[in-house]
PDB file of N, CA and C in Angstrom:
ATOM      1  N   UNK A   1      79.676  91.170 102.644  1.00  0.00           N
ATOM      2  CA  UNK A   1      80.509  91.447 101.508  1.00  0.00           C
ATOM      3  C   UNK A   1      81.335  92.700 101.806  1.00  0.00           C
ATOM      4  N   UNK A   2      82.520  92.758 101.227  1.00  0.00           N
ATOM      5  CA  UNK A   2      83.415  93.896 101.417  1.00  0.00           C
ATOM      6  C   UNK A   2      84.171  94.138 100.121  1.00  0.00           C
ATOM      7  N   UNK A   3      84.876  95.244 100.072  1.00  0.00           N
ATOM      8  CA  UNK A   3      85.654  95.597  98.885  1.00  0.00           C
ATOM      9  C   UNK A   3      87.093  95.887  99.268  1.00  0.00           C
ATOM     10  N   UNK A   4      87.985  95.550  98.349  1.00  0.00           N
ATOM     11  CA  UNK A   4      89.405  95.780  98.526  1.00  0.00           C
ATOM     12  C   UNK A   4      89.899  96.507  97.281  1.00  0.00           C
ATOM     13  N   UNK A   5      90.573  97.618  97.473  1.00  0.00           N
ATOM     14  CA  UNK A   5      91.046  98.415  96.340  1.00  0.00           C
ATOM     15  C   UNK A   5      92.553  98.220  96.165  1.00  0.00           C
ATOM     16  N   UNK A   6      92.966  97.913  94.940  1.00  0.00           N
ATOM     17  CA  UNK A   6      94.375  97.753  94.595  1.00  0.00           C
ATOM     18  C   UNK A   6      94.840  99.050  93.932  1.00  0.00           C
ATOM     19  N   UNK A   7      95.592  99.844  94.666  1.00  0.00           N
ATOM     20  CA  UNK A   7      96.060 101.124  94.162  1.00  0.00           C
ATOM     21  C   UNK A   7      97.008 101.004  92.981  1.00  0.00           C
ATOM     22  N   UNK A   8      97.724  99.896  92.879  1.00  0.00           N
ATOM     23  CA  UNK A   8      98.673  99.712  91.776  1.00  0.00           C
ATOM     24  C   UNK A   8      97.968  99.556  90.440  1.00  0.00           C
ATOM     25  N   UNK A   9      96.791  98.948  90.464  1.00  0.00           N
ATOM     26  CA  UNK A   9      96.064  98.720  89.214  1.00  0.00           C
ATOM     27  C   UNK A   9      94.760  99.514  89.141  1.00  0.00           C
ATOM     28  N   UNK A  10      94.410 100.196  90.202  1.00  0.00           N
ATOM     29  CA  UNK A  10      93.144 100.946  90.316  1.00  0.00           C
ATOM     30  C   UNK A  10      91.925 100.046  90.186  1.00  0.00           C
ATOM     31  N   UNK A  11      92.083  98.770  90.531  1.00  0.00           N
ATOM     32  CA  UNK A  11      90.954  97.835  90.496  1.00  0.00           C
ATOM     33  C   UNK A  11      90.416  97.648  91.912  1.00  0.00           C
ATOM     34  N   UNK A  12      89.124  97.402  91.995  1.00  0.00           N
ATOM     35  CA  UNK A  12      88.481  97.104  93.258  1.00  0.00           C
ATOM     36  C   UNK A  12      87.890  95.701  93.160  1.00  0.00           C
ATOM     37  N   UNK A  13      88.117  94.910  94.201  1.00  0.00           N
ATOM     38  CA  UNK A  13      87.660  93.524  94.228  1.00  0.00           C
ATOM     39  C   UNK A  13      86.623  93.353  95.326  1.00  0.00           C
ATOM     40  N   UNK A  14      85.634  92.521  95.045  1.00  0.00           N
ATOM     41  CA  UNK A  14      84.601  92.202  96.023  1.00  0.00           C
ATOM     42  C   UNK A  14      85.016  90.931  96.759  1.00  0.00           C
ATOM     43  N   UNK A  15      84.893  90.949  98.076  1.00  0.00           N
ATOM     44  CA  UNK A  15      85.250  89.803  98.909  1.00  0.00           C
ATOM     45  C   UNK A  15      84.040  89.346  99.701  1.00  0.00           C
ATOM     46  N   UNK A  16      83.951  88.046  99.913  1.00  0.00           N
ATOM     47  CA  UNK A  16      82.945  87.519 100.825  1.00  0.00           C
ATOM     48  C   UNK A  16      83.312  87.883 102.258  1.00  0.00           C
ATOM     49  N   UNK A  17      82.373  87.753 103.169  1.00  0.00           N
ATOM     50  CA  UNK A  17      82.608  88.199 104.537  1.00  0.00           C
ATOM     51  C   UNK A  17      83.724  87.429 105.232  1.00  0.00           C
ATOM     52  N   UNK A  18      83.828  86.113 105.005  1.00  0.00           N
ATOM     53  CA  UNK A  18      84.894  85.334 105.652  1.00  0.00           C
ATOM     54  C   UNK A  18      86.264  85.755 105.130  1.00  0.00           C
ATOM     55  N   UNK A  19      86.397  85.884 103.811  1.00  0.00           N
ATOM     56  CA  UNK A  19      87.673  86.322 103.236  1.00  0.00           C
ATOM     57  C   UNK A  19      88.014  87.725 103.712  1.00  0.00           C
ATOM     58  N   UNK A  20      87.010  88.584 103.796  1.00  0.00           N
ATOM     59  CA  UNK A  20      87.247  89.968 104.224  1.00  0.00           C
ATOM     60  C   UNK A  20      87.821  90.022 105.630  1.00  0.00           C
ATOM     61  N   UNK A  21      87.339  89.162 106.508  1.00  0.00           N
ATOM     62  CA  UNK A  21      87.861  89.136 107.883  1.00  0.00           C
ATOM     63  C   UNK A  21      89.348  88.789 107.875  1.00  0.00           C
ATOM     64  N   UNK A  22      89.714  87.776 107.099  1.00  0.00           N
ATOM     65  CA  UNK A  22      91.115  87.376 107.044  1.00  0.00           C
ATOM     66  C   UNK A  22      91.970  88.443 106.372  1.00  0.00           C
ATOM     67  N   UNK A  23      91.486  89.021 105.285  1.00  0.00           N
ATOM     68  CA  UNK A  23      92.253  90.058 104.593  1.00  0.00           C
ATOM     69  C   UNK A  23      92.464  91.254 105.517  1.00  0.00           C
ATOM     70  N   UNK A  24      91.438  91.631 106.255  1.00  0.00           N
ATOM     71  CA  UNK A  24      91.555  92.750 107.187  1.00  0.00           C
ATOM     72  C   UNK A  24      92.661  92.476 108.209  1.00  0.00           C
ATOM     73  N   UNK A  25      92.683  91.276 108.754  1.00  0.00           N
ATOM     74  CA  UNK A  25      93.723  90.902 109.714  1.00  0.00           C
ATOM     75  C   UNK A  25      95.085  90.851 109.033  1.00  0.00           C
ATOM     76  N   UNK A  26      95.134  90.293 107.826  1.00  0.00           N
ATOM     77  CA  UNK A  26      96.402  90.196 107.109  1.00  0.00           C
ATOM     78  C   UNK A  26      96.974  91.571 106.781  1.00  0.00           C
ATOM     79  N   UNK A  27      96.116  92.540 106.503  1.00  0.00           N
ATOM     80  CA  UNK A  27      96.595  93.900 106.247  1.00  0.00           C
ATOM     81  C   UNK A  27      97.260  94.478 107.492  1.00  0.00           C
ATOM     82  N   UNK A  28      96.785  94.059 108.651  1.00  0.00           N
ATOM     83  CA  UNK A  28      97.331  94.573 109.911  1.00  0.00           C
ATOM     84  C   UNK A  28      98.566  93.815 110.384  1.00  0.00           C
ATOM     85  N   UNK A  29      98.565  92.470 110.226  1.00  0.00           N
ATOM     86  CA  UNK A  29      99.640  91.678 110.835  1.00  0.00           C
ATOM     87  C   UNK A  29     100.467  90.862 109.852  1.00  0.00           C
ATOM     88  N   UNK A  30     100.078  90.846 108.588  1.00  0.00           N
ATOM     89  CA  UNK A  30     100.791  90.016 107.625  1.00  0.00           C
ATOM     90  C   UNK A  30     100.238  88.599 107.607  1.00  0.00           C
ATOM     91  N   UNK A  31     101.077  87.637 107.324  1.00  0.00           N
ATOM     92  CA  UNK A  31     100.656  86.247 107.133  1.00  0.00           C
ATOM     93  C   UNK A  31     100.930  85.358 108.330  1.00  0.00           C
ATOM     94  N   UNK A  32     100.904  85.909 109.517  1.00  0.00           N
ATOM     95  CA  UNK A  32     101.159  85.159 110.750  1.00  0.00           C
ATOM     96  C   UNK A  32      99.897  84.382 111.127  1.00  0.00           C
ATOM     97  N   UNK A  33      99.865  83.096 110.774  1.00  0.00           N
ATOM     98  CA  UNK A  33      98.672  82.276 110.993  1.00  0.00           C
ATOM     99  C   UNK A  33      98.330  82.146 112.471  1.00  0.00           C
ATOM    100  N   UNK A  34      99.324  82.003 113.319  1.00  0.00           N
ATOM    101  CA  UNK A  34      99.051  81.858 114.752  1.00  0.00           C
ATOM    102  C   UNK A  34      98.383  83.112 115.305  1.00  0.00           C
ATOM    103  N   UNK A  35      98.866  84.269 114.916  1.00  0.00           N
ATOM    104  CA  UNK A  35      98.288  85.525 115.382  1.00  0.00           C
ATOM    105  C   UNK A  35      96.901  85.742 114.773  1.00  0.00           C
ATOM    106  N   UNK A  36      96.738  85.409 113.505  1.00  0.00           N
ATOM    107  CA  UNK A  36      95.424  85.530 112.868  1.00  0.00           C
ATOM    108  C   UNK A  36      94.410  84.631 113.572  1.00  0.00           C
ATOM    109  N   UNK A  37      94.816  83.414 113.896  1.00  0.00           N
ATOM    110  CA  UNK A  37      93.936  82.487 114.599  1.00  0.00           C
ATOM    111  C   UNK A  37      93.538  83.048 115.964  1.00  0.00           C
ATOM    112  N   UNK A  38      94.488  83.640 116.656  1.00  0.00           N
ATOM    113  CA  UNK A  38      94.203  84.220 117.971  1.00  0.00           C
ATOM    114  C   UNK A  38      93.212  85.371 117.841  1.00  0.00           C
ATOM    115  N   UNK A  39      93.445  86.248 116.877  1.00  0.00           N
ATOM    116  CA  UNK A  39      92.579  87.411 116.683  1.00  0.00           C
ATOM    117  C   UNK A  39      91.175  86.996 116.265  1.00  0.00           C
ATOM    118  N   UNK A  40      91.081  86.044 115.350  1.00  0.00           N
ATOM    119  CA  UNK A  40      89.790  85.646 114.795  1.00  0.00           C
ATOM    120  C   UNK A  40      89.104  84.529 115.566  1.00  0.00           C
ATOM    121  N   UNK A  41      89.819  83.952 116.534  1.00  0.00           N
ATOM    122  CA  UNK A  41      89.223  82.897 117.345  1.00  0.00           C
ATOM    123  C   UNK A  41      88.932  81.622 116.580  1.00  0.00           C
ATOM    124  N   UNK A  42      89.858  81.246 115.716  1.00  0.00           N
ATOM    125  CA  UNK A  42      89.685  80.029 114.929  1.00  0.00           C
ATOM    126  C   UNK A  42      90.918  79.146 115.105  1.00  0.00           C
ATOM    127  N   UNK A  43      90.828  77.875 114.717  1.00  0.00           N
ATOM    128  CA  UNK A  43      92.000  77.009 114.787  1.00  0.00           C
ATOM    129  C   UNK A  43      93.125  77.528 113.882  1.00  0.00           C
ATOM    130  N   UNK A  44      94.362  77.333 114.304  1.00  0.00           N
ATOM    131  CA  UNK A  44      95.500  77.785 113.507  1.00  0.00           C
ATOM    132  C   UNK A  44      95.507  77.137 112.130  1.00  0.00           C
ATOM    133  N   UNK A  45      95.075  75.881 112.039  1.00  0.00           N
ATOM    134  CA  UNK A  45      95.049  75.199 110.736  1.00  0.00           C
ATOM    135  C   UNK A  45      94.087  75.891 109.770  1.00  0.00           C
ATOM    136  N   UNK A  46      92.970  76.404 110.275  1.00  0.00           N
ATOM    137  CA  UNK A  46      92.016  77.138 109.443  1.00  0.00           C
ATOM    138  C   UNK A  46      92.645  78.451 108.982  1.00  0.00           C
ATOM    139  N   UNK A  47      93.339  79.127 109.893  1.00  0.00           N
ATOM    140  CA  UNK A  47      94.005  80.382 109.541  1.00  0.00           C
ATOM    141  C   UNK A  47      95.079  80.136 108.487  1.00  0.00           C
ATOM    142  N   UNK A  48      95.884  79.093 108.660  1.00  0.00           N
ATOM    143  CA  UNK A  48      96.938  78.777 107.690  1.00  0.00           C
ATOM    144  C   UNK A  48      96.352  78.538 106.302  1.00  0.00           C
ATOM    145  N   UNK A  49      95.298  77.725 106.226  1.00  0.00           N
ATOM    146  CA  UNK A  49      94.688  77.399 104.941  1.00  0.00           C
ATOM    147  C   UNK A  49      94.050  78.635 104.316  1.00  0.00           C
ATOM    148  N   UNK A  50      93.376  79.429 105.105  1.00  0.00           N
ATOM    149  CA  UNK A  50      92.727  80.638 104.587  1.00  0.00           C
ATOM    150  C   UNK A  50      93.760  81.630 104.063  1.00  0.00           C
ATOM    151  N   UNK A  51      94.815  81.828 104.808  1.00  0.00           N
ATOM    152  CA  UNK A  51      95.877  82.745 104.384  1.00  0.00           C
ATOM    153  C   UNK A  51      96.517  82.246 103.092  1.00  0.00           C
ATOM    154  N   UNK A  52      96.765  80.942 103.008  1.00  0.00           N
ATOM    155  CA  UNK A  52      97.357  80.361 101.798  1.00  0.00           C
ATOM    156  C   UNK A  52      96.439  80.586 100.601  1.00  0.00           C
ATOM    157  N   UNK A  53      95.138  80.348 100.772  1.00  0.00           N
ATOM    158  CA  UNK A  53      94.194  80.525  99.674  1.00  0.00           C
ATOM    159  C   UNK A  53      94.115  81.985  99.237  1.00  0.00           C
ATOM    160  N   UNK A  54      94.097  82.892 100.190  1.00  0.00           N
ATOM    161  CA  UNK A  54      94.041  84.321  99.861  1.00  0.00           C
ATOM    162  C   UNK A  54      95.305  84.742  99.132  1.00  0.00           C
ATOM    163  N   UNK A  55      96.464  84.335  99.636  1.00  0.00           N
ATOM    164  CA  UNK A  55      97.726  84.688  98.974  1.00  0.00           C
ATOM    165  C   UNK A  55      97.771  84.121  97.555  1.00  0.00           C
ATOM    166  N   UNK A  56      97.346  82.870  97.376  1.00  0.00           N
ATOM    167  CA  UNK A  56      97.335  82.265  96.045  1.00  0.00           C
ATOM    168  C   UNK A  56      96.388  83.006  95.106  1.00  0.00           C
ATOM    169  N   UNK A  57      95.220  83.358  95.605  1.00  0.00           N
ATOM    170  CA  UNK A  57      94.251  84.086  94.795  1.00  0.00           C
ATOM    171  C   UNK A  57      94.791  85.461  94.410  1.00  0.00           C
ATOM    172  N   UNK A  58      95.374  86.163  95.374  1.00  0.00           N
ATOM    173  CA  UNK A  58      95.943  87.477  95.094  1.00  0.00           C
ATOM    174  C   UNK A  58      97.091  87.370  94.101  1.00  0.00           C
ATOM    175  N   UNK A  59      97.962  86.391  94.279  1.00  0.00           N
ATOM    176  CA  UNK A  59      99.081  86.198  93.350  1.00  0.00           C
ATOM    177  C   UNK A  59      98.577  85.929  91.936  1.00  0.00           C
ATOM    178  N   UNK A  60      97.542  85.115  91.804  1.00  0.00           N
ATOM    179  CA  UNK A  60      96.989  84.789  90.491  1.00  0.00           C
ATOM    180  C   UNK A  60      96.416  86.025  89.797  1.00  0.00           C
ATOM    181  N   UNK A  61      95.925  86.972  90.583  1.00  0.00           N
ATOM    182  CA  UNK A  61      95.353  88.208  90.032  1.00  0.00           C
ATOM    183  C   UNK A  61      96.381  89.329  89.935  1.00  0.00           C
ATOM    184  N   UNK A  62      97.596  89.082  90.421  1.00  0.00           N
ATOM    185  CA  UNK A  62      98.639  90.097  90.388  1.00  0.00           C
ATOM    186  C   UNK A  62      98.485  91.161  91.466  1.00  0.00           C
ATOM    187  N   UNK A  63      97.736  90.836  92.528  1.00  0.00           N
ATOM    188  CA  UNK A  63      97.518  91.791  93.622  1.00  0.00           C
ATOM    189  C   UNK A  63      98.667  91.671  94.615  1.00  0.00           C
ATOM    190  N   UNK A  64      99.271  92.813  94.948  1.00  0.00           N
ATOM    191  CA  UNK A  64     100.326  92.844  95.968  1.00  0.00           C
ATOM    192  C   UNK A  64      99.755  93.468  97.233  1.00  0.00           C
ATOM    193  N   UNK A  65      99.990  92.831  98.368  1.00  0.00           N
ATOM    194  CA  UNK A  65      99.439  93.345  99.625  1.00  0.00           C
ATOM    195  C   UNK A  65      99.906  94.761  99.910  1.00  0.00           C
ATOM    196  N   UNK A  66     101.087  95.126  99.487  1.00  0.00           N
ATOM    197  CA  UNK A  66     101.583  96.465  99.745  1.00  0.00           C
ATOM    198  C   UNK A  66     100.834  97.556  99.007  1.00  0.00           C
ATOM    199  N   UNK A  67     100.030  97.169  98.017  1.00  0.00           N
ATOM    200  CA  UNK A  67      99.335  98.173  97.214  1.00  0.00           C
ATOM    201  C   UNK A  67      97.831  98.188  97.435  1.00  0.00           C
ATOM    202  N   UNK A  68      97.344  97.380  98.385  1.00  0.00           N
ATOM    203  CA  UNK A  68      95.903  97.304  98.602  1.00  0.00           C
ATOM    204  C   UNK A  68      95.498  98.016  99.887  1.00  0.00           C
ATOM    205  N   UNK A  69      94.259  98.429  99.888  1.00  0.00           N
ATOM    206  CA  UNK A  69      93.689  99.021 101.085  1.00  0.00           C
ATOM    207  C   UNK A  69      92.230  98.605 101.182  1.00  0.00           C
ATOM    208  N   UNK A  70      91.767  98.535 102.403  1.00  0.00           N
ATOM    209  CA  UNK A  70      90.369  98.184 102.625  1.00  0.00           C
ATOM    210  C   UNK A  70      89.482  99.287 102.068  1.00  0.00           C
ATOM    211  N   UNK A  71      88.426  98.878 101.423  1.00  0.00           N
ATOM    212  CA  UNK A  71      87.434  99.824 100.925  1.00  0.00           C
ATOM    213  C   UNK A  71      86.067  99.269 101.315  1.00  0.00           C
ATOM    214  N   UNK A  72      85.771  99.383 102.570  1.00  0.00           N
ATOM    215  CA  UNK A  72      84.490  98.856 103.062  1.00  0.00           C
ATOM    216  C   UNK A  72      84.627  97.502 103.711  1.00  0.00           C
ATOM    217  N   UNK A  73      85.802  97.186 104.239  1.00  0.00           N
ATOM    218  CA  UNK A  73      85.965  95.924 104.959  1.00  0.00           C
ATOM    219  C   UNK A  73      85.308  96.037 106.309  1.00  0.00           C
TER     220      UNK A  73
END
C-alpha cells in the first residue's frame, strides 16, 4: 500500500501496490504506455489499460497529476 498527496485539495489517497507502481512511473514519465511497460516489465497493453484506469479514476476524483506527489510510494 502507498499514499498519494494532492496538494491542490490537501487530500491524501491510499493506493494498492500495483496502482502505486504505475502512479510512481507516471509521475516520472507521464502517460507513455510503451515506456511504462519497459520500466515495469509488463506488456504494453497492460500498461495502456492501467494508465487509462488511473487517469479515469483521478479525473473522477478531480485529481490533477500536476498537483500530486508521492507520499510513501
